[in-house]
Amino acid sequence: MYHYPMLLVITFIFVMGLVWGSFLNVVIFRMSRGSSPLSGRSICPKCKHQLAWFYNIPLLSYIWLRGRCAYCHKKISIRYPLIEALTGILFVWWFLVGFNFFRLVGSPWSFIQPIFWLAVGMVLLSIFMTDLLYMVIPFSLNLLLFSLALFYRVSLTGFGIMNPMDLFNALFSGLALCALFLFLQILTRIIKKIDGFGWGDIYLAPSLGLLLGWPKILPGVFLSFVFGAVAGILLIVIGKKKIGQYIPFGPFLILGTVVALVWGGDIWNWYIGFLV
């Protein structure tokens, strides 16, 4: 049981997550259309009416308006409160679990590392939802994720926390994954006249290599293909997709990456132990 002061802190963290989730909704919607997240006030995507500030209160506005626009009364997509709630849950998980899980001992890294992983989590969530909803991964989001991961890994190496060889292995892992996706794209284009992978998936690969490193990249990629295959089969069975139709692979790459970040080492050690 949490004490009352702790519950207040958790509530505050959740509300902050809702606020950031509201911003991520703007990022996802606008960047999927090639526009800047900072380009003006929010509008209703259906009637184009500019929204008053009190219609932009995370989660509460959706409940208050009963899921409909205050101006045109058309339905508001459930994805908006869902993304806000997911970001709030991400913040609470980060505070209760992730803050200690992704934390190096010693100042300033005991503070920098948790903040880094929270930022990475929000970028990954943005990429996940953008690809899932619009089948596109904006290059700017890929560039942001790569810049964060590269700066973080280089900084760790510079401070002597990370072995230079581990940095090299992480870079090589990302480039190798990028080359693999590019090869599969060329192969499927030649054989089936379709793209097996989108360019967003290919550009995402180097960042995943930097985040996971070696050997976590292997279970991460393997799980991505497993998740993608299972989801594809289920979609075909329920009639949502036909054989040969494209499904976004970015969400499965991110799911595999998240699982590998937490359990990738254990999965790899189990696999090696199974072989020997």
C-alpha atoms as a PDB file:
ATOM      1  CA  MET A   1       0.000   0.000   0.000  1.00  0.00           C
ATOM      2  CA  TYR A   2       1.227   3.466  -0.910  1.00  0.00           C
ATOM      3  CA  HIS A   3       1.030   6.258   1.644  1.00  0.00           C
ATOM      4  CA  TYR A   4      -1.055   9.335   0.885  1.00  0.00           C
ATOM      5  CA  PRO A   5       1.921  11.583  -0.049  1.00  0.00           C
ATOM      6  CA  MET A   6       3.186   8.937  -2.490  1.00  0.00           C
ATOM      7  CA  LEU A   7      -0.262   8.663  -4.078  1.00  0.00           C
ATOM      8  CA  LEU A   8      -0.214  12.428  -4.597  1.00  0.00           C
ATOM      9  CA  VAL A   9       3.188  12.164  -6.292  1.00  0.00           C
ATOM     10  CA  ILE A  10       2.008   9.303  -8.511  1.00  0.00           C
ATOM     11  CA  THR A  11      -1.108  11.279  -9.435  1.00  0.00           C
ATOM     12  CA  PHE A  12       1.020  14.300 -10.319  1.00  0.00           C
ATOM     13  CA  ILE A  13       3.336  12.126 -12.452  1.00  0.00           C
ATOM     14  CA  PHE A  14       0.316  10.624 -14.237  1.00  0.00           C
ATOM     15  CA  VAL A  15      -1.128  14.087 -14.956  1.00  0.00           C
ATOM     16  CA  MET A  16       2.231  15.230 -16.337  1.00  0.00           C
ATOM     17  CA  GLY A  17       2.168  12.159 -18.558  1.00  0.00           C
ATOM     18  CA  LEU A  18      -1.318  13.106 -19.770  1.00  0.00           C
ATOM     19  CA  VAL A  19      -0.060  16.580 -20.681  1.00  0.00           C
ATOM     20  CA  TRP A  20       2.857  15.160 -22.636  1.00  0.00           C
ATOM     21  CA  GLY A  21       0.498  12.630 -24.209  1.00  0.00           C
ATOM     22  CA  SER A  22      -1.644  15.501 -25.465  1.00  0.00           C
ATOM     23  CA  PHE A  23       1.460  16.988 -27.070  1.00  0.00           C
ATOM     24  CA  LEU A  24       2.374  13.607 -28.589  1.00  0.00           C
ATOM     25  CA  ASN A  25      -1.075  13.548 -30.205  1.00  0.00           C
ATOM     26  CA  VAL A  26      -0.180  16.794 -31.957  1.00  0.00           C
ATOM     27  CA  VAL A  27       3.229  15.415 -32.954  1.00  0.00           C
ATOM     28  CA  ILE A  28       1.716  12.204 -34.354  1.00  0.00           C
ATOM     29  CA  PHE A  29      -1.079  13.911 -36.294  1.00  0.00           C
ATOM     30  CA  ARG A  30       0.943  16.758 -37.773  1.00  0.00           C
ATOM     31  CA  MET A  31       4.188  14.952 -38.508  1.00  0.00           C
ATOM     32  CA  SER A  32       2.304  12.190 -40.331  1.00  0.00           C
ATOM     33  CA  ARG A  33       1.230  14.977 -42.706  1.00  0.00           C
ATOM     34  CA  GLY A  34       4.652  16.544 -42.981  1.00  0.00           C
ATOM     35  CA  SER A  35       3.891  19.643 -40.903  1.00  0.00           C
ATOM     36  CA  SER A  36       5.519  20.988 -37.754  1.00  0.00           C
ATOM     37  CA  PRO A  37       4.034  20.127 -34.327  1.00  0.00           C
ATOM     38  CA  LEU A  38       4.487  23.805 -33.420  1.00  0.00           C
ATOM     39  CA  SER A  39       2.538  25.192 -36.373  1.00  0.00           C
ATOM     40  CA  GLY A  40      -0.326  26.952 -34.627  1.00  0.00           C
ATOM     41  CA  ARG A  41      -3.238  26.053 -32.366  1.00  0.00           C
ATOM     42  CA  SER A  42      -5.032  22.719 -32.437  1.00  0.00           C
ATOM     43  CA  ILE A  43      -8.026  22.339 -34.746  1.00  0.00           C
ATOM     44  CA  CYS A  44     -10.729  19.743 -35.242  1.00  0.00           C
ATOM     45  CA  PRO A  45      -9.445  17.476 -38.041  1.00  0.00           C
ATOM     46  CA  LYS A  46     -12.984  17.236 -39.473  1.00  0.00           C
ATOM     47  CA  CYS A  47     -14.500  20.743 -39.340  1.00  0.00           C
ATOM     48  CA  LYS A  48     -11.118  22.575 -39.079  1.00  0.00           C
ATOM     49  CA  HIS A  49     -12.436  24.815 -36.288  1.00  0.00           C
ATOM     50  CA  GLN A  50      -9.767  26.077 -33.896  1.00  0.00           C
ATOM     51  CA  LEU A  51     -10.216  24.497 -30.491  1.00  0.00           C
ATOM     52  CA  ALA A  52     -10.599  26.593 -27.359  1.00  0.00           C
ATOM     53  CA  TRP A  53      -8.082  25.800 -24.635  1.00  0.00           C
ATOM     54  CA  PHE A  54     -10.699  24.197 -22.374  1.00  0.00           C
ATOM     55  CA  TYR A  55     -11.436  21.638 -25.109  1.00  0.00           C
ATOM     56  CA  ASN A  56      -7.799  20.541 -24.993  1.00  0.00           C
ATOM     57  CA  ILE A  57      -7.622  19.370 -21.384  1.00  0.00           C
ATOM     58  CA  PRO A  58      -6.075  15.892 -21.576  1.00  0.00           C
ATOM     59  CA  LEU A  59      -8.555  13.036 -21.051  1.00  0.00           C
ATOM     60  CA  LEU A  60     -11.104  15.221 -19.242  1.00  0.00           C
ATOM     61  CA  SER A  61     -12.180  17.127 -22.364  1.00  0.00           C
ATOM     62  CA  TYR A  62     -12.890  13.888 -24.204  1.00  0.00           C
ATOM     63  CA  ILE A  63     -15.055  12.662 -21.318  1.00  0.00           C
ATOM     64  CA  TRP A  64     -16.763  16.037 -20.921  1.00  0.00           C
ATOM     65  CA  LEU A  65     -17.569  16.262 -24.656  1.00  0.00           C
ATOM     66  CA  ARG A  66     -18.630  12.595 -24.700  1.00  0.00           C
ATOM     67  CA  GLY A  67     -16.203  11.869 -27.499  1.00  0.00           C
ATOM     68  CA  ARG A  68     -17.592  14.469 -29.926  1.00  0.00           C
ATOM     69  CA  CYS A  69     -16.318  17.771 -31.310  1.00  0.00           C
ATOM     70  CA  ALA A  70     -17.848  20.788 -29.540  1.00  0.00           C
ATOM     71  CA  TYR A  71     -18.369  22.541 -32.895  1.00  0.00           C
ATOM     72  CA  CYS A  72     -19.331  19.983 -35.557  1.00  0.00           C
ATOM     73  CA  HIS A  73     -20.405  17.253 -33.085  1.00  0.00           C
ATOM     74  CA  LYS A  74     -18.648  14.552 -35.087  1.00  0.00           C
ATOM     75  CA  LYS A  75     -16.927  11.733 -33.239  1.00  0.00           C
ATOM     76  CA  ILE A  76     -13.436  12.296 -31.837  1.00  0.00           C
ATOM     77  CA  SER A  77     -11.170   9.324 -32.422  1.00  0.00           C
ATOM     78  CA  ILE A  78     -10.606   7.197 -29.332  1.00  0.00           C
ATOM     79  CA  ARG A  79      -6.897   7.250 -30.148  1.00  0.00           C
ATOM     80  CA  TYR A  80      -6.506  10.729 -28.624  1.00  0.00           C
ATOM     81  CA  PRO A  81      -7.452   9.836 -25.023  1.00  0.00           C
ATOM     82  CA  LEU A  82      -5.814   6.422 -25.507  1.00  0.00           C
ATOM     83  CA  ILE A  83      -2.428   7.964 -26.358  1.00  0.00           C
ATOM     84  CA  GLU A  84      -2.779  10.394 -23.460  1.00  0.00           C
ATOM     85  CA  ALA A  85      -3.557   7.541 -21.076  1.00  0.00           C
ATOM     86  CA  LEU A  86      -0.683   5.411 -22.427  1.00  0.00           C
ATOM     87  CA  THR A  87       1.746   8.278 -21.914  1.00  0.00           C
ATOM     88  CA  GLY A  88       0.438   8.783 -18.380  1.00  0.00           C
ATOM     89  CA  ILE A  89       0.980   5.075 -17.682  1.00  0.00           C
ATOM     90  CA  LEU A  90       4.470   5.313 -19.209  1.00  0.00           C
ATOM     91  CA  PHE A  91       5.324   8.157 -16.816  1.00  0.00           C
ATOM     92  CA  VAL A  92       4.032   6.252 -13.790  1.00  0.00           C
ATOM     93  CA  TRP A  93       5.918   3.082 -14.817  1.00  0.00           C
ATOM     94  CA  TRP A  94       9.049   5.168 -15.338  1.00  0.00           C
ATOM     95  CA  PHE A  95       8.690   6.694 -11.871  1.00  0.00           C
ATOM     96  CA  LEU A  96       7.940   3.456 -10.018  1.00  0.00           C
ATOM     97  CA  VAL A  97      10.086   0.963 -11.955  1.00  0.00           C
ATOM     98  CA  GLY A  98      12.037   2.430 -14.835  1.00  0.00           C
ATOM     99  CA  PHE A  99      13.718   5.168 -12.808  1.00  0.00           C
ATOM    100  CA  ASN A 100      15.639   2.530 -10.865  1.00  0.00           C
ATOM    101  CA  PHE A 101      15.889  -0.013 -13.701  1.00  0.00           C
ATOM    102  CA  PHE A 102      17.534   2.440 -16.127  1.00  0.00           C
ATOM    103  CA  ARG A 103      19.781   4.251 -13.663  1.00  0.00           C
ATOM    104  CA  LEU A 104      23.532   4.416 -13.412  1.00  0.00           C
ATOM    105  CA  VAL A 105      25.121   5.103 -10.058  1.00  0.00           C
ATOM    106  CA  GLY A 106      26.927   8.398  -9.697  1.00  0.00           C
ATOM    107  CA  SER A 107      26.116  12.009 -10.459  1.00  0.00           C
ATOM    108  CA  PRO A 108      25.055  13.309 -12.961  1.00  0.00           C
ATOM    109  CA  TRP A 109      24.176   9.994 -14.656  1.00  0.00           C
ATOM    110  CA  SER A 110      21.822   8.886 -11.868  1.00  0.00           C
ATOM    111  CA  PHE A 111      19.562  11.704 -13.106  1.00  0.00           C
ATOM    112  CA  ILE A 112      20.493  11.937 -16.806  1.00  0.00           C
ATOM    113  CA  GLN A 113      19.965   8.272 -17.658  1.00  0.00           C
ATOM    114  CA  PRO A 114      16.328   7.998 -16.420  1.00  0.00           C
ATOM    115  CA  ILE A 115      15.449  11.251 -18.215  1.00  0.00           C
ATOM    116  CA  PHE A 116      17.063   9.918 -21.395  1.00  0.00           C
ATOM    117  CA  TRP A 117      15.040   6.713 -21.311  1.00  0.00           C
ATOM    118  CA  LEU A 118      11.825   8.615 -20.627  1.00  0.00           C
ATOM    119  CA  ALA A 119      12.503  10.803 -23.686  1.00  0.00           C
ATOM    120  CA  VAL A 120      13.299   7.697 -25.735  1.00  0.00           C
ATOM    121  CA  GLY A 121      10.067   6.095 -24.537  1.00  0.00           C
ATOM    122  CA  MET A 122       8.022   9.068 -25.763  1.00  0.00           C
ATOM    123  CA  VAL A 123       9.761   9.090 -29.152  1.00  0.00           C
ATOM    124  CA  LEU A 124       9.235   5.334 -29.520  1.00  0.00           C
ATOM    125  CA  LEU A 125       5.553   5.736 -28.620  1.00  0.00           C
ATOM    126  CA  SER A 126       5.230   8.496 -31.232  1.00  0.00           C
ATOM    127  CA  ILE A 127       6.833   6.314 -33.903  1.00  0.00           C
ATOM    128  CA  PHE A 128       4.709   3.326 -32.855  1.00  0.00           C
ATOM    129  CA  MET A 129       1.423   5.207 -33.162  1.00  0.00           C
ATOM    130  CA  THR A 130       2.352   7.168 -36.300  1.00  0.00           C
ATOM    131  CA  ASP A 131       3.243   3.996 -38.182  1.00  0.00           C
ATOM    132  CA  LEU A 132       0.271   2.076 -36.780  1.00  0.00           C
ATOM    133  CA  LEU A 133      -2.271   4.780 -37.647  1.00  0.00           C
ATOM    134  CA  TYR A 134      -0.820   6.298 -40.816  1.00  0.00           C
ATOM    135  CA  MET A 135       1.718   3.699 -42.054  1.00  0.00           C
ATOM    136  CA  VAL A 136       4.522   6.221 -42.073  1.00  0.00           C
ATOM    137  CA  ILE A 137       7.534   6.899 -39.865  1.00  0.00           C
ATOM    138  CA  PRO A 138       8.536  10.560 -40.275  1.00  0.00           C
ATOM    139  CA  PHE A 139      12.234  10.987 -40.988  1.00  0.00           C
ATOM    140  CA  SER A 140      12.440  13.739 -38.363  1.00  0.00           C
ATOM    141  CA  LEU A 141      11.339  11.296 -35.626  1.00  0.00           C
ATOM    142  CA  ASN A 142      13.914   8.757 -36.780  1.00  0.00           C
ATOM    143  CA  LEU A 143      16.570  11.473 -36.812  1.00  0.00           C
ATOM    144  CA  LEU A 144      15.599  12.615 -33.304  1.00  0.00           C
ATOM    145  CA  LEU A 145      15.772   9.060 -31.952  1.00  0.00           C
ATOM    146  CA  PHE A 146      19.130   8.403 -33.625  1.00  0.00           C
ATOM    147  CA  SER A 147      20.569  11.702 -32.350  1.00  0.00           C
ATOM    148  CA  LEU A 148      19.463  10.956 -28.794  1.00  0.00           C
ATOM    149  CA  ALA A 149      20.829   7.404 -28.878  1.00  0.00           C
ATOM    150  CA  LEU A 150      24.137   8.384 -30.484  1.00  0.00           C
ATOM    151  CA  PHE A 151      24.755  11.321 -28.133  1.00  0.00           C
ATOM    152  CA  TYR A 152      23.926   9.140 -25.139  1.00  0.00           C
ATOM    153  CA  ARG A 153      26.194   6.247 -26.153  1.00  0.00           C
ATOM    154  CA  VAL A 154      29.081   8.524 -27.131  1.00  0.00           C
ATOM    155  CA  SER A 155      28.733  10.395 -23.819  1.00  0.00           C
ATOM    156  CA  LEU A 156      28.804   7.135 -21.866  1.00  0.00           C
ATOM    157  CA  THR A 157      31.932   6.116 -23.751  1.00  0.00           C
ATOM    158  CA  GLY A 158      33.548   9.500 -23.192  1.00  0.00           C
ATOM    159  CA  PHE A 159      32.927   9.281 -19.447  1.00  0.00           C
ATOM    160  CA  GLY A 160      34.428   5.782 -19.340  1.00  0.00           C
ATOM    161  CA  ILE A 161      31.110   4.141 -18.411  1.00  0.00           C
ATOM    162  CA  MET A 162      30.735   2.317 -21.717  1.00  0.00           C
ATOM    163  CA  ASN A 163      33.492   0.310 -23.390  1.00  0.00           C
ATOM    164  CA  PRO A 164      34.468   1.749 -26.819  1.00  0.00           C
ATOM    165  CA  MET A 165      34.151  -1.744 -28.284  1.00  0.00           C
ATOM    166  CA  ASP A 166      30.539  -1.907 -27.043  1.00  0.00           C
ATOM    167  CA  LEU A 167      29.864   1.390 -28.819  1.00  0.00           C
ATOM    168  CA  PHE A 168      31.387  -0.018 -32.011  1.00  0.00           C
ATOM    169  CA  ASN A 169      29.316  -3.201 -31.679  1.00  0.00           C
ATOM    170  CA  ALA A 170      26.128  -1.159 -31.165  1.00  0.00           C
ATOM    171  CA  LEU A 171      26.849   0.957 -34.250  1.00  0.00           C
ATOM    172  CA  PHE A 172      27.704  -2.114 -36.289  1.00  0.00           C
ATOM    173  CA  SER A 173      24.532  -3.882 -35.078  1.00  0.00           C
ATOM    174  CA  GLY A 174      22.383  -0.976 -36.253  1.00  0.00           C
ATOM    175  CA  LEU A 175      24.108  -0.730 -39.621  1.00  0.00           C
ATOM    176  CA  ALA A 176      23.886  -4.502 -40.128  1.00  0.00           C
ATOM    177  CA  LEU A 177      20.148  -4.430 -39.349  1.00  0.00           C
ATOM    178  CA  CYS A 178      19.734  -1.497 -41.732  1.00  0.00           C
ATOM    179  CA  ALA A 179      21.559  -3.452 -44.462  1.00  0.00           C
ATOM    180  CA  LEU A 180      19.384  -6.521 -43.785  1.00  0.00           C
ATOM    181  CA  PHE A 181      16.164  -4.539 -44.165  1.00  0.00           C
ATOM    182  CA  LEU A 182      17.460  -2.880 -47.323  1.00  0.00           C
ATOM    183  CA  PHE A 183      18.394  -6.285 -48.772  1.00  0.00           C
ATOM    184  CA  LEU A 184      14.948  -7.704 -47.945  1.00  0.00           C
ATOM    185  CA  GLN A 185      13.282  -4.672 -49.504  1.00  0.00           C
ATOM    186  CA  ILE A 186      15.255  -5.125 -52.744  1.00  0.00           C
ATOM    187  CA  LEU A 187      14.602  -8.868 -52.718  1.00  0.00           C
ATOM    188  CA  THR A 188      10.823  -8.539 -52.257  1.00  0.00           C
ATOM    189  CA  ARG A 189      10.677  -5.814 -54.888  1.00  0.00           C
ATOM    190  CA  ILE A 190      12.436  -8.106 -57.389  1.00  0.00           C
ATOM    191  CA  ILE A 191      10.426 -11.239 -56.548  1.00  0.00           C
ATOM    192  CA  LYS A 192       6.981  -9.902 -55.645  1.00  0.00           C
ATOM    193  CA  LYS A 193       7.129  -6.338 -57.041  1.00  0.00           C
ATOM    194  CA  ILE A 194       6.345  -4.922 -53.585  1.00  0.00           C
ATOM    195  CA  ASP A 195       8.331  -3.273 -50.803  1.00  0.00           C
ATOM    196  CA  GLY A 196       8.999  -5.707 -47.961  1.00  0.00           C
ATOM    197  CA  PHE A 197      10.045  -2.808 -45.743  1.00  0.00           C
ATOM    198  CA  GLY A 198       9.330   0.889 -45.784  1.00  0.00           C
ATOM    199  CA  TRP A 199      12.138   3.422 -45.709  1.00  0.00           C
ATOM    200  CA  GLY A 200      11.002   4.425 -42.233  1.00  0.00           C
ATOM    201  CA  ASP A 201      11.776   0.908 -40.971  1.00  0.00           C
ATOM    202  CA  ILE A 202      15.192   1.017 -42.655  1.00  0.00           C
ATOM    203  CA  TYR A 203      16.021   4.415 -41.138  1.00  0.00           C
ATOM    204  CA  LEU A 204      14.823   3.193 -37.723  1.00  0.00           C
ATOM    205  CA  ALA A 205      17.294   0.283 -37.660  1.00  0.00           C
ATOM    206  CA  PRO A 206      20.498   2.214 -36.690  1.00  0.00           C
ATOM    207  CA  SER A 207      18.741   3.727 -33.675  1.00  0.00           C
ATOM    208  CA  LEU A 208      17.605   0.313 -32.471  1.00  0.00           C
ATOM    209  CA  GLY A 209      21.173  -0.961 -32.757  1.00  0.00           C
ATOM    210  CA  LEU A 210      22.409   1.909 -30.597  1.00  0.00           C
ATOM    211  CA  LEU A 211      19.653   1.437 -28.015  1.00  0.00           C
ATOM    212  CA  LEU A 212      19.989  -2.338 -27.717  1.00  0.00           C
ATOM    213  CA  GLY A 213      23.626  -2.980 -28.568  1.00  0.00           C
ATOM    214  CA  TRP A 214      25.092  -6.433 -28.979  1.00  0.00           C
ATOM    215  CA  PRO A 215      23.766  -9.076 -28.375  1.00  0.00           C
ATOM    216  CA  LYS A 216      20.344  -7.685 -27.339  1.00  0.00           C
ATOM    217  CA  ILE A 217      19.712  -6.634 -30.931  1.00  0.00           C
ATOM    218  CA  LEU A 218      19.317 -10.309 -31.918  1.00  0.00           C
ATOM    219  CA  PRO A 219      16.406 -11.229 -29.599  1.00  0.00           C
ATOM    220  CA  GLY A 220      14.921  -7.788 -30.264  1.00  0.00           C
ATOM    221  CA  VAL A 221      14.788  -8.326 -34.039  1.00  0.00           C
ATOM    222  CA  PHE A 222      13.733 -11.967 -33.705  1.00  0.00           C
ATOM    223  CA  LEU A 223      10.820 -11.015 -31.442  1.00  0.00           C
ATOM    224  CA  SER A 224       9.837  -8.242 -33.866  1.00  0.00           C
ATOM    225  CA  PHE A 225       9.449 -10.759 -36.676  1.00  0.00           C
ATOM    226  CA  VAL A 226       7.542 -13.136 -34.379  1.00  0.00           C
ATOM    227  CA  PHE A 227       5.151 -10.385 -33.226  1.00  0.00           C
ATOM    228  CA  GLY A 228       4.672  -9.227 -36.812  1.00  0.00           C
ATOM    229  CA  ALA A 229       3.998 -12.766 -38.077  1.00  0.00           C
ATOM    230  CA  VAL A 230       1.475 -13.506 -35.318  1.00  0.00           C
ATOM    231  CA  ALA A 231      -0.330 -10.200 -35.874  1.00  0.00           C
ATOM    232  CA  GLY A 232      -0.352 -10.734 -39.648  1.00  0.00           C
ATOM    233  CA  ILE A 233      -1.845 -14.218 -39.316  1.00  0.00           C
ATOM    234  CA  LEU A 234      -4.507 -12.974 -36.897  1.00  0.00           C
ATOM    235  CA  LEU A 235      -5.460 -10.092 -39.213  1.00  0.00           C
ATOM    236  CA  ILE A 236      -5.811 -12.526 -42.120  1.00  0.00           C
ATOM    237  CA  VAL A 237      -7.880 -14.961 -40.034  1.00  0.00           C
ATOM    238  CA  ILE A 238     -10.333 -12.259 -38.914  1.00  0.00           C
ATOM    239  CA  GLY A 239     -10.533 -10.832 -42.447  1.00  0.00           C
ATOM    240  CA  LYS A 240      -8.902  -7.459 -41.800  1.00  0.00           C
ATOM    241  CA  LYS A 241      -6.018  -8.176 -44.203  1.00  0.00           C
ATOM    242  CA  LYS A 242      -5.405 -10.354 -47.237  1.00  0.00           C
ATOM    243  CA  ILE A 243      -2.278 -12.362 -47.992  1.00  0.00           C
ATOM    244  CA  GLY A 244       0.283 -10.045 -49.552  1.00  0.00           C
ATOM    245  CA  GLN A 245      -1.198  -6.841 -48.110  1.00  0.00           C
ATOM    246  CA  TYR A 246       1.197  -4.486 -46.335  1.00  0.00           C
ATOM    247  CA  ILE A 247       1.094  -4.060 -42.560  1.00  0.00           C
ATOM    248  CA  PRO A 248       3.283  -1.531 -40.739  1.00  0.00           C
ATOM    249  CA  PHE A 249       6.348  -3.202 -39.244  1.00  0.00           C
ATOM    250  CA  GLY A 250       7.540  -0.276 -37.114  1.00  0.00           C
ATOM    251  CA  PRO A 251       5.235  -1.087 -34.164  1.00  0.00           C
ATOM    252  CA  PHE A 252       6.579  -4.648 -34.020  1.00  0.00           C
ATOM    253  CA  LEU A 253      10.170  -3.404 -34.179  1.00  0.00           C
ATOM    254  CA  ILE A 254       9.437  -1.177 -31.208  1.00  0.00           C
ATOM    255  CA  LEU A 255       7.664  -3.946 -29.283  1.00  0.00           C
ATOM    256  CA  GLY A 256      10.632  -6.255 -29.850  1.00  0.00           C
ATOM    257  CA  THR A 257      13.017  -3.485 -28.792  1.00  0.00           C
ATOM    258  CA  VAL A 258      11.125  -2.792 -25.547  1.00  0.00           C
ATOM    259  CA  VAL A 259      11.053  -6.478 -24.614  1.00  0.00           C
ATOM    260  CA  ALA A 260      14.755  -6.856 -25.474  1.00  0.00           C
ATOM    261  CA  LEU A 261      15.678  -3.780 -23.419  1.00  0.00           C
ATOM    262  CA  VAL A 262      14.175  -5.353 -20.317  1.00  0.00           C
ATOM    263  CA  TRP A 263      14.721  -9.073 -20.886  1.00  0.00           C
ATOM    264  CA  GLY A 264      17.063  -9.273 -23.889  1.00  0.00           C
ATOM    265  CA  GLY A 265      20.076 -10.291 -21.814  1.00  0.00           C
ATOM    266  CA  ASP A 266      18.155 -13.088 -20.100  1.00  0.00           C
ATOM    267  CA  ILE A 267      16.720 -14.298 -23.417  1.00  0.00           C
ATOM    268  CA  TRP A 268      20.172 -14.350 -25.007  1.00  0.00           C
ATOM    269  CA  ASN A 269      21.747 -16.184 -22.058  1.00  0.00           C
ATOM    270  CA  TRP A 270      18.917 -18.748 -22.111  1.00  0.00           C
ATOM    271  CA  TYR A 271      19.464 -19.303 -25.835  1.00  0.00           C
ATOM    272  CA  ILE A 272      23.220 -19.741 -25.457  1.00  0.00           C
ATOM    273  CA  GLY A 273      22.676 -22.096 -22.512  1.00  0.00           C
ATOM    274  CA  PHE A 274      20.187 -24.061 -24.587  1.00  0.00           C
ATOM    275  CA  LEU A 275      22.751 -24.488 -27.380  1.00  0.00           C
ATOM    276  CA  VAL A 276      25.532 -25.699 -25.109  1.00  0.00           C
END
